[in-house]
Amino acid sequence: MKTVSISVTDASRNFADCVNRARYQGTIFVLHKNGSPVARLVPEEHKPVTGKELAAALRDALKDAHLGREDATEWLRELKESRRAGKMPSNRWPS
């Protein structure tokens, strides 16, 4: 999966091309304004999952399932990894 940094201005000038590259090539675009990342354009299959969606999926998956020791250990490792990767910004409402 290729990630490309692009200014908001360039993205607006080439929006259709960016959308096509995201869809057909799987390219992820990080949009920058004044040198700071402000948004992402990602292919639909890589859409982020909300906490509510994750909780519902886990509840459904674990409803009647019993994880073995190896699966439980792997699940816990992946959970910790996703929490590290998903840290919230210190300032949720930048000015």
PDB file of N, CA and C in Angstrom:
ATOM      1  N   MET A   1       0.852  -1.172   0.000  1.00  0.00           N
ATOM      2  CA  MET A   1       0.000   0.000   0.000  1.00  0.00           C
ATOM      3  C   MET A   1       0.892   1.228   0.000  1.00  0.00           C
ATOM      4  N   LYS A   2       0.673   2.112  -0.935  1.00  0.00           N
ATOM      5  CA  LYS A   2       1.477   3.315  -1.096  1.00  0.00           C
ATOM      6  C   LYS A   2       0.797   4.489  -0.399  1.00  0.00           C
ATOM      7  N   THR A   3       1.578   5.282   0.344  1.00  0.00           N
ATOM      8  CA  THR A   3       1.068   6.490   0.981  1.00  0.00           C
ATOM      9  C   THR A   3       1.754   7.689   0.348  1.00  0.00           C
ATOM     10  N   VAL A   4       0.960   8.674  -0.050  1.00  0.00           N
ATOM     11  CA  VAL A   4       1.465   9.869  -0.719  1.00  0.00           C
ATOM     12  C   VAL A   4       1.038  11.095   0.080  1.00  0.00           C
ATOM     13  N   SER A   5       2.001  11.982   0.367  1.00  0.00           N
ATOM     14  CA  SER A   5       1.678  13.266   0.998  1.00  0.00           C
ATOM     15  C   SER A   5       1.439  14.283  -0.105  1.00  0.00           C
ATOM     16  N   ILE A   6       0.380  15.062   0.046  1.00  0.00           N
ATOM     17  CA  ILE A   6      -0.010  16.022  -0.984  1.00  0.00           C
ATOM     18  C   ILE A   6      -0.644  17.233  -0.305  1.00  0.00           C
ATOM     19  N   SER A   7      -0.437  18.405  -0.870  1.00  0.00           N
ATOM     20  CA  SER A   7      -1.055  19.596  -0.287  1.00  0.00           C
ATOM     21  C   SER A   7      -2.556  19.586  -0.589  1.00  0.00           C
ATOM     22  N   VAL A   8      -3.311  20.270   0.233  1.00  0.00           N
ATOM     23  CA  VAL A   8      -4.754  20.382   0.019  1.00  0.00           C
ATOM     24  C   VAL A   8      -5.026  21.031  -1.336  1.00  0.00           C
ATOM     25  N   THR A   9      -4.222  22.012  -1.690  1.00  0.00           N
ATOM     26  CA  THR A   9      -4.386  22.692  -2.978  1.00  0.00           C
ATOM     27  C   THR A   9      -4.194  21.721  -4.138  1.00  0.00           C
ATOM     28  N   ASP A  10      -3.104  20.940  -4.097  1.00  0.00           N
ATOM     29  CA  ASP A  10      -2.863  19.962  -5.166  1.00  0.00           C
ATOM     30  C   ASP A  10      -3.956  18.902  -5.205  1.00  0.00           C
ATOM     31  N   ALA A  11      -4.419  18.487  -4.037  1.00  0.00           N
ATOM     32  CA  ALA A  11      -5.488  17.488  -3.990  1.00  0.00           C
ATOM     33  C   ALA A  11      -6.764  18.032  -4.622  1.00  0.00           C
ATOM     34  N   SER A  12      -7.066  19.310  -4.367  1.00  0.00           N
ATOM     35  CA  SER A  12      -8.292  19.877  -4.944  1.00  0.00           C
ATOM     36  C   SER A  12      -8.171  20.031  -6.461  1.00  0.00           C
ATOM     37  N   ARG A  13      -6.988  20.363  -6.927  1.00  0.00           N
ATOM     38  CA  ARG A  13      -6.776  20.507  -8.369  1.00  0.00           C
ATOM     39  C   ARG A  13      -6.814  19.164  -9.095  1.00  0.00           C
ATOM     40  N   ASN A  14      -6.459  18.092  -8.388  1.00  0.00           N
ATOM     41  CA  ASN A  14      -6.361  16.768  -9.003  1.00  0.00           C
ATOM     42  C   ASN A  14      -7.254  15.752  -8.290  1.00  0.00           C
ATOM     43  N   PHE A  15      -8.396  16.228  -7.813  1.00  0.00           N
ATOM     44  CA  PHE A  15      -9.240  15.379  -6.966  1.00  0.00           C
ATOM     45  C   PHE A  15      -9.665  14.081  -7.652  1.00  0.00           C
ATOM     46  N   ALA A  16     -10.128  14.162  -8.885  1.00  0.00           N
ATOM     47  CA  ALA A  16     -10.581  12.948  -9.580  1.00  0.00           C
ATOM     48  C   ALA A  16      -9.442  11.943  -9.723  1.00  0.00           C
ATOM     49  N   ASP A  17      -8.241  12.427 -10.018  1.00  0.00           N
ATOM     50  CA  ASP A  17      -7.088  11.539 -10.133  1.00  0.00           C
ATOM     51  C   ASP A  17      -6.773  10.883  -8.788  1.00  0.00           C
ATOM     52  N   CYS A  18      -6.821  11.661  -7.709  1.00  0.00           N
ATOM     53  CA  CYS A  18      -6.564  11.106  -6.375  1.00  0.00           C
ATOM     54  C   CYS A  18      -7.584  10.019  -6.028  1.00  0.00           C
ATOM     55  N   VAL A  19      -8.853  10.295  -6.321  1.00  0.00           N
ATOM     56  CA  VAL A  19      -9.904   9.308  -6.036  1.00  0.00           C
ATOM     57  C   VAL A  19      -9.671   8.035  -6.843  1.00  0.00           C
ATOM     58  N   ASN A  20      -9.345   8.174  -8.120  1.00  0.00           N
ATOM     59  CA  ASN A  20      -9.094   6.996  -8.958  1.00  0.00           C
ATOM     60  C   ASN A  20      -7.884   6.206  -8.478  1.00  0.00           C
ATOM     61  N   ARG A  21      -6.820   6.901  -8.085  1.00  0.00           N
ATOM     62  CA  ARG A  21      -5.637   6.197  -7.582  1.00  0.00           C
ATOM     63  C   ARG A  21      -5.934   5.497  -6.261  1.00  0.00           C
ATOM     64  N   ALA A  22      -6.744   6.122  -5.420  1.00  0.00           N
ATOM     65  CA  ALA A  22      -7.132   5.468  -4.167  1.00  0.00           C
ATOM     66  C   ALA A  22      -7.945   4.209  -4.461  1.00  0.00           C
ATOM     67  N   ARG A  23      -8.884   4.326  -5.373  1.00  0.00           N
ATOM     68  CA  ARG A  23      -9.770   3.194  -5.673  1.00  0.00           C
ATOM     69  C   ARG A  23      -9.057   2.052  -6.385  1.00  0.00           C
ATOM     70  N   TYR A  24      -8.305   2.375  -7.446  1.00  0.00           N
ATOM     71  CA  TYR A  24      -7.755   1.326  -8.294  1.00  0.00           C
ATOM     72  C   TYR A  24      -6.340   0.889  -7.921  1.00  0.00           C
ATOM     73  N   GLN A  25      -5.577   1.761  -7.269  1.00  0.00           N
ATOM     74  CA  GLN A  25      -4.201   1.409  -6.906  1.00  0.00           C
ATOM     75  C   GLN A  25      -4.019   1.238  -5.401  1.00  0.00           C
ATOM     76  N   GLY A  26      -5.052   1.573  -4.635  1.00  0.00           N
ATOM     77  CA  GLY A  26      -4.956   1.439  -3.178  1.00  0.00           C
ATOM     78  C   GLY A  26      -4.097   2.508  -2.528  1.00  0.00           C
ATOM     79  N   THR A  27      -3.864   3.616  -3.215  1.00  0.00           N
ATOM     80  CA  THR A  27      -3.026   4.692  -2.674  1.00  0.00           C
ATOM     81  C   THR A  27      -3.763   5.430  -1.562  1.00  0.00           C
ATOM     82  N   ILE A  28      -3.047   5.715  -0.487  1.00  0.00           N
ATOM     83  CA  ILE A  28      -3.564   6.529   0.613  1.00  0.00           C
ATOM     84  C   ILE A  28      -2.930   7.905   0.483  1.00  0.00           C
ATOM     85  N   PHE A  29      -3.751   8.945   0.499  1.00  0.00           N
ATOM     86  CA  PHE A  29      -3.253  10.311   0.402  1.00  0.00           C
ATOM     87  C   PHE A  29      -3.368  10.985   1.763  1.00  0.00           C
ATOM     88  N   VAL A  30      -2.267  11.579   2.225  1.00  0.00           N
ATOM     89  CA  VAL A  30      -2.271  12.396   3.433  1.00  0.00           C
ATOM     90  C   VAL A  30      -2.258  13.844   2.963  1.00  0.00           C
ATOM     91  N   LEU A  31      -3.319  14.578   3.262  1.00  0.00           N
ATOM     92  CA  LEU A  31      -3.451  15.962   2.810  1.00  0.00           C
ATOM     93  C   LEU A  31      -2.852  16.912   3.844  1.00  0.00           C
ATOM     94  N   HIS A  32      -1.994  17.815   3.362  1.00  0.00           N
ATOM     95  CA  HIS A  32      -1.311  18.767   4.231  1.00  0.00           C
ATOM     96  C   HIS A  32      -1.777  20.186   3.936  1.00  0.00           C
ATOM     97  N   LYS A  33      -1.921  20.965   5.002  1.00  0.00           N
ATOM     98  CA  LYS A  33      -2.234  22.401   4.875  1.00  0.00           C
ATOM     99  C   LYS A  33      -1.205  23.138   5.723  1.00  0.00           C
ATOM    100  N   ASN A  34      -0.495  24.048   5.091  1.00  0.00           N
ATOM    101  CA  ASN A  34       0.584  24.779   5.768  1.00  0.00           C
ATOM    102  C   ASN A  34       1.602  23.835   6.405  1.00  0.00           C
ATOM    103  N   GLY A  35       1.869  22.723   5.722  1.00  0.00           N
ATOM    104  CA  GLY A  35       2.875  21.773   6.185  1.00  0.00           C
ATOM    105  C   GLY A  35       2.414  20.777   7.233  1.00  0.00           C
ATOM    106  N   SER A  36       1.181  20.888   7.702  1.00  0.00           N
ATOM    107  CA  SER A  36       0.666  19.977   8.731  1.00  0.00           C
ATOM    108  C   SER A  36      -0.387  19.054   8.141  1.00  0.00           C
ATOM    109  N   PRO A  37      -0.339  17.768   8.492  1.00  0.00           N
ATOM    110  CA  PRO A  37      -1.364  16.860   7.996  1.00  0.00           C
ATOM    111  C   PRO A  37      -2.726  17.207   8.593  1.00  0.00           C
ATOM    112  N   VAL A  38      -3.754  17.257   7.720  1.00  0.00           N
ATOM    113  CA  VAL A  38      -5.089  17.634   8.185  1.00  0.00           C
ATOM    114  C   VAL A  38      -6.161  16.600   7.841  1.00  0.00           C
ATOM    115  N   ALA A  39      -5.885  15.735   6.859  1.00  0.00           N
ATOM    116  CA  ALA A  39      -6.902  14.769   6.448  1.00  0.00           C
ATOM    117  C   ALA A  39      -6.240  13.643   5.669  1.00  0.00           C
ATOM    118  N   ARG A  40      -7.019  12.570   5.469  1.00  0.00           N
ATOM    119  CA  ARG A  40      -6.572  11.440   4.656  1.00  0.00           C
ATOM    120  C   ARG A  40      -7.660  11.074   3.666  1.00  0.00           C
ATOM    121  N   LEU A  41      -7.209  10.647   2.503  1.00  0.00           N
ATOM    122  CA  LEU A  41      -8.101  10.066   1.507  1.00  0.00           C
ATOM    123  C   LEU A  41      -7.666   8.618   1.399  1.00  0.00           C
ATOM    124  N   VAL A  42      -8.542   7.705   1.809  1.00  0.00           N
ATOM    125  CA  VAL A  42      -8.173   6.287   1.841  1.00  0.00           C
ATOM    126  C   VAL A  42      -9.166   5.468   1.028  1.00  0.00           C
ATOM    127  N   PRO A  43      -8.701   4.349   0.463  1.00  0.00           N
ATOM    128  CA  PRO A  43      -9.631   3.469  -0.242  1.00  0.00           C
ATOM    129  C   PRO A  43     -10.709   2.964   0.722  1.00  0.00           C
ATOM    130  N   GLU A  44     -11.895   2.759   0.226  1.00  0.00           N
ATOM    131  CA  GLU A  44     -13.031   2.362   1.071  1.00  0.00           C
ATOM    132  C   GLU A  44     -12.735   1.094   1.871  1.00  0.00           C
ATOM    133  N   GLU A  45     -12.039   0.137   1.289  1.00  0.00           N
ATOM    134  CA  GLU A  45     -11.787  -1.106   2.031  1.00  0.00           C
ATOM    135  C   GLU A  45     -10.853  -0.892   3.210  1.00  0.00           C
ATOM    136  N   HIS A  46     -10.213   0.287   3.298  1.00  0.00           N
ATOM    137  CA  HIS A  46      -9.327   0.594   4.415  1.00  0.00           C
ATOM    138  C   HIS A  46      -9.949   1.617   5.347  1.00  0.00           C
ATOM    139  N   LYS A  47     -11.259   1.699   5.310  1.00  0.00           N
ATOM    140  CA  LYS A  47     -11.988   2.662   6.125  1.00  0.00           C
ATOM    141  C   LYS A  47     -11.740   2.371   7.615  1.00  0.00           C
ATOM    142  N   PRO A  48     -11.402   3.392   8.389  1.00  0.00           N
ATOM    143  CA  PRO A  48     -11.202   3.181   9.821  1.00  0.00           C
ATOM    144  C   PRO A  48     -12.483   2.679  10.491  1.00  0.00           C
ATOM    145  N   VAL A  49     -12.329   1.916  11.526  1.00  0.00           N
ATOM    146  CA  VAL A  49     -13.452   1.367  12.282  1.00  0.00           C
ATOM    147  C   VAL A  49     -13.632   2.199  13.542  1.00  0.00           C
ATOM    148  N   THR A  50     -14.863   2.550  13.841  1.00  0.00           N
ATOM    149  CA  THR A  50     -15.125   3.314  15.064  1.00  0.00           C
ATOM    150  C   THR A  50     -15.090   2.375  16.260  1.00  0.00           C
ATOM    151  N   GLY A  51     -14.916   2.953  17.431  1.00  0.00           N
ATOM    152  CA  GLY A  51     -14.915   2.150  18.654  1.00  0.00           C
ATOM    153  C   GLY A  51     -16.228   1.411  18.851  1.00  0.00           C
ATOM    154  N   LYS A  52     -17.320   2.070  18.494  1.00  0.00           N
ATOM    155  CA  LYS A  52     -18.643   1.448  18.633  1.00  0.00           C
ATOM    156  C   LYS A  52     -18.757   0.226  17.717  1.00  0.00           C
ATOM    157  N   GLU A  53     -18.253   0.365  16.465  1.00  0.00           N
ATOM    158  CA  GLU A  53     -18.286  -0.758  15.521  1.00  0.00           C
ATOM    159  C   GLU A  53     -17.398  -1.904  16.000  1.00  0.00           C
ATOM    160  N   LEU A  54     -16.223  -1.564  16.542  1.00  0.00           N
ATOM    161  CA  LEU A  54     -15.316  -2.588  17.053  1.00  0.00           C
ATOM    162  C   LEU A  54     -15.934  -3.326  18.235  1.00  0.00           C
ATOM    163  N   ALA A  55     -16.528  -2.578  19.147  1.00  0.00           N
ATOM    164  CA  ALA A  55     -17.161  -3.204  20.314  1.00  0.00           C
ATOM    165  C   ALA A  55     -18.279  -4.152  19.889  1.00  0.00           C
ATOM    166  N   ALA A  56     -19.084  -3.732  18.920  1.00  0.00           N
ATOM    167  CA  ALA A  56     -20.173  -4.595  18.429  1.00  0.00           C
ATOM    168  C   ALA A  56     -19.621  -5.847  17.769  1.00  0.00           C
ATOM    169  N   ALA A  57     -18.559  -5.699  16.969  1.00  0.00           N
ATOM    170  CA  ALA A  57     -17.958  -6.858  16.299  1.00  0.00           C
ATOM    171  C   ALA A  57     -17.374  -7.830  17.318  1.00  0.00           C
ATOM    172  N   LEU A  58     -16.700  -7.296  18.336  1.00  0.00           N
ATOM    173  CA  LEU A  58     -16.138  -8.168  19.372  1.00  0.00           C
ATOM    174  C   LEU A  58     -17.237  -8.868  20.160  1.00  0.00           C
ATOM    175  N   ARG A  59     -18.291  -8.132  20.483  1.00  0.00           N
ATOM    176  CA  ARG A  59     -19.406  -8.722  21.230  1.00  0.00           C
ATOM    177  C   ARG A  59     -20.025  -9.867  20.432  1.00  0.00           C
ATOM    178  N   ASP A  60     -20.225  -9.652  19.127  1.00  0.00           N
ATOM    179  CA  ASP A  60     -20.798 -10.701  18.278  1.00  0.00           C
ATOM    180  C   ASP A  60     -19.860 -11.887  18.136  1.00  0.00           C
ATOM    181  N   ALA A  61     -18.579 -11.617  17.959  1.00  0.00           N
ATOM    182  CA  ALA A  61     -17.604 -12.692  17.755  1.00  0.00           C
ATOM    183  C   ALA A  61     -17.392 -13.522  19.013  1.00  0.00           C
ATOM    184  N   LEU A  62     -17.490 -12.875  20.163  1.00  0.00           N
ATOM    185  CA  LEU A  62     -17.187 -13.572  21.412  1.00  0.00           C
ATOM    186  C   LEU A  62     -18.426 -14.073  22.148  1.00  0.00           C
ATOM    187  N   LYS A  63     -19.593 -13.844  21.563  1.00  0.00           N
ATOM    188  CA  LYS A  63     -20.847 -14.203  22.231  1.00  0.00           C
ATOM    189  C   LYS A  63     -20.829 -15.643  22.737  1.00  0.00           C
ATOM    190  N   ASP A  64     -20.533 -16.579  21.870  1.00  0.00           N
ATOM    191  CA  ASP A  64     -20.517 -17.985  22.257  1.00  0.00           C
ATOM    192  C   ASP A  64     -19.151 -18.626  22.051  1.00  0.00           C
ATOM    193  N   ALA A  65     -18.153 -17.808  21.742  1.00  0.00           N
ATOM    194  CA  ALA A  65     -16.825 -18.357  21.457  1.00  0.00           C
ATOM    195  C   ALA A  65     -15.995 -18.440  22.730  1.00  0.00           C
ATOM    196  N   HIS A  66     -15.149 -19.424  22.748  1.00  0.00           N
ATOM    197  CA  HIS A  66     -14.196 -19.587  23.844  1.00  0.00           C
ATOM    198  C   HIS A  66     -12.813 -19.647  23.204  1.00  0.00           C
ATOM    199  N   LEU A  67     -11.995 -18.646  23.488  1.00  0.00           N
ATOM    200  CA  LEU A  67     -10.670 -18.608  22.898  1.00  0.00           C
ATOM    201  C   LEU A  67      -9.716 -19.532  23.636  1.00  0.00           C
ATOM    202  N   GLY A  68      -8.893 -20.226  22.886  1.00  0.00           N
ATOM    203  CA  GLY A  68      -7.826 -21.007  23.488  1.00  0.00           C
ATOM    204  C   GLY A  68      -6.736 -20.061  23.967  1.00  0.00           C
ATOM    205  N   ARG A  69      -5.797 -20.580  24.708  1.00  0.00           N
ATOM    206  CA  ARG A  69      -4.728 -19.755  25.278  1.00  0.00           C
ATOM    207  C   ARG A  69      -3.944 -19.018  24.185  1.00  0.00           C
ATOM    208  N   GLU A  70      -3.595 -19.716  23.109  1.00  0.00           N
ATOM    209  CA  GLU A  70      -2.819 -19.102  22.031  1.00  0.00           C
ATOM    210  C   GLU A  70      -3.606 -17.983  21.343  1.00  0.00           C
ATOM    211  N   ASP A  71      -4.880 -18.234  21.057  1.00  0.00           N
ATOM    212  CA  ASP A  71      -5.717 -17.218  20.411  1.00  0.00           C
ATOM    213  C   ASP A  71      -5.934 -16.016  21.326  1.00  0.00           C
ATOM    214  N   ALA A  72      -6.140 -16.278  22.609  1.00  0.00           N
ATOM    215  CA  ALA A  72      -6.341 -15.189  23.564  1.00  0.00           C
ATOM    216  C   ALA A  72      -5.084 -14.326  23.676  1.00  0.00           C
ATOM    217  N   THR A  73      -3.915 -14.954  23.687  1.00  0.00           N
ATOM    218  CA  THR A  73      -2.655 -14.222  23.756  1.00  0.00           C
ATOM    219  C   THR A  73      -2.466 -13.366  22.511  1.00  0.00           C
ATOM    220  N   GLU A  74      -2.758 -13.922  21.331  1.00  0.00           N
ATOM    221  CA  GLU A  74      -2.641 -13.180  20.080  1.00  0.00           C
ATOM    222  C   GLU A  74      -3.619 -12.013  20.051  1.00  0.00           C
ATOM    223  N   TRP A  75      -4.841 -12.239  20.509  1.00  0.00           N
ATOM    224  CA  TRP A  75      -5.847 -11.181  20.536  1.00  0.00           C
ATOM    225  C   TRP A  75      -5.394 -10.042  21.450  1.00  0.00           C
ATOM    226  N   LEU A  76      -4.863 -10.374  22.607  1.00  0.00           N
ATOM    227  CA  LEU A  76      -4.407  -9.351  23.545  1.00  0.00           C
ATOM    228  C   LEU A  76      -3.235  -8.562  22.952  1.00  0.00           C
ATOM    229  N   ARG A  77      -2.318  -9.244  22.260  1.00  0.00           N
ATOM    230  CA  ARG A  77      -1.187  -8.565  21.621  1.00  0.00           C
ATOM    231  C   ARG A  77      -1.689  -7.588  20.564  1.00  0.00           C
ATOM    232  N   GLU A  78      -2.625  -8.028  19.740  1.00  0.00           N
ATOM    233  CA  GLU A  78      -3.168  -7.156  18.691  1.00  0.00           C
ATOM    234  C   GLU A  78      -3.930  -5.976  19.282  1.00  0.00           C
ATOM    235  N   LEU A  79      -4.646  -6.196  20.368  1.00  0.00           N
ATOM    236  CA  LEU A  79      -5.368  -5.113  21.035  1.00  0.00           C
ATOM    237  C   LEU A  79      -4.401  -4.056  21.548  1.00  0.00           C
ATOM    238  N   LYS A  80      -3.325  -4.503  22.201  1.00  0.00           N
ATOM    239  CA  LYS A  80      -2.328  -3.560  22.717  1.00  0.00           C
ATOM    240  C   LYS A  80      -1.671  -2.796  21.577  1.00  0.00           C
ATOM    241  N   GLU A  81      -1.370  -3.482  20.480  1.00  0.00           N
ATOM    242  CA  GLU A  81      -0.759  -2.843  19.315  1.00  0.00           C
ATOM    243  C   GLU A  81      -1.689  -1.788  18.715  1.00  0.00           C
ATOM    244  N   SER A  82      -2.964  -2.113  18.597  1.00  0.00           N
ATOM    245  CA  SER A  82      -3.916  -1.150  18.023  1.00  0.00           C
ATOM    246  C   SER A  82      -4.107   0.045  18.948  1.00  0.00           C
ATOM    247  N   ARG A  83      -4.051  -0.163  20.238  1.00  0.00           N
ATOM    248  CA  ARG A  83      -4.170   0.963  21.173  1.00  0.00           C
ATOM    249  C   ARG A  83      -2.976   1.894  21.054  1.00  0.00           C
ATOM    250  N   ARG A  84      -1.766   1.323  20.886  1.00  0.00           N
ATOM    251  CA  ARG A  84      -0.577   2.159  20.718  1.00  0.00           C
ATOM    252  C   ARG A  84      -0.667   2.962  19.421  1.00  0.00           C
ATOM    253  N   ALA A  85      -1.155   2.337  18.357  1.00  0.00           N
ATOM    254  CA  ALA A  85      -1.236   2.994  17.052  1.00  0.00           C
ATOM    255  C   ALA A  85      -2.343   4.031  17.011  1.00  0.00           C
ATOM    256  N   GLY A  86      -3.331   3.906  17.858  1.00  0.00           N
ATOM    257  CA  GLY A  86      -4.500   4.780  17.807  1.00  0.00           C
ATOM    258  C   GLY A  86      -4.552   5.827  18.888  1.00  0.00           C
ATOM    259  N   LYS A  87      -3.390   6.300  19.356  1.00  0.00           N
ATOM    260  CA  LYS A  87      -3.392   7.310  20.411  1.00  0.00           C
ATOM    261  C   LYS A  87      -4.084   8.584  19.956  1.00  0.00           C
ATOM    262  N   MET A  88      -4.871   9.136  20.832  1.00  0.00           N
ATOM    263  CA  MET A  88      -5.583  10.379  20.546  1.00  0.00           C
ATOM    264  C   MET A  88      -4.604  11.542  20.629  1.00  0.00           C
ATOM    265  N   PRO A  89      -4.803  12.564  19.825  1.00  0.00           N
ATOM    266  CA  PRO A  89      -3.957  13.754  19.924  1.00  0.00           C
ATOM    267  C   PRO A  89      -4.178  14.432  21.266  1.00  0.00           C
ATOM    268  N   SER A  90      -3.150  15.094  21.783  1.00  0.00           N
ATOM    269  CA  SER A  90      -3.275  15.738  23.094  1.00  0.00           C
ATOM    270  C   SER A  90      -4.305  16.866  23.066  1.00  0.00           C
ATOM    271  N   ASN A  91      -4.426  17.553  21.931  1.00  0.00           N
ATOM    272  CA  ASN A  91      -5.391  18.631  21.801  1.00  0.00           C
ATOM    273  C   ASN A  91      -6.442  18.202  20.774  1.00  0.00           C
ATOM    274  N   ARG A  92      -7.602  17.779  21.246  1.00  0.00           N
ATOM    275  CA  ARG A  92      -8.638  17.271  20.351  1.00  0.00           C
ATOM    276  C   ARG A  92      -9.313  18.377  19.557  1.00  0.00           C
ATOM    277  N   TRP A  93      -9.158  19.609  19.984  1.00  0.00           N
ATOM    278  CA  TRP A  93      -9.815  20.729  19.299  1.00  0.00           C
ATOM    279  C   TRP A  93      -8.769  21.776  18.938  1.00  0.00           C
ATOM    280  N   PRO A  94      -7.947  21.477  17.934  1.00  0.00           N
ATOM    281  CA  PRO A  94      -6.921  22.472  17.567  1.00  0.00           C
ATOM    282  C   PRO A  94      -7.555  23.748  17.021  1.00  0.00           C
ATOM    283  N   SER A  95      -6.889  24.829  17.257  1.00  0.00           N
ATOM    284  CA  SER A  95      -7.432  26.116  16.797  1.00  0.00           C
ATOM    285  C   SER A  95      -6.939  26.452  15.405  1.00  0.00           C
TER     286      SER A  95
END
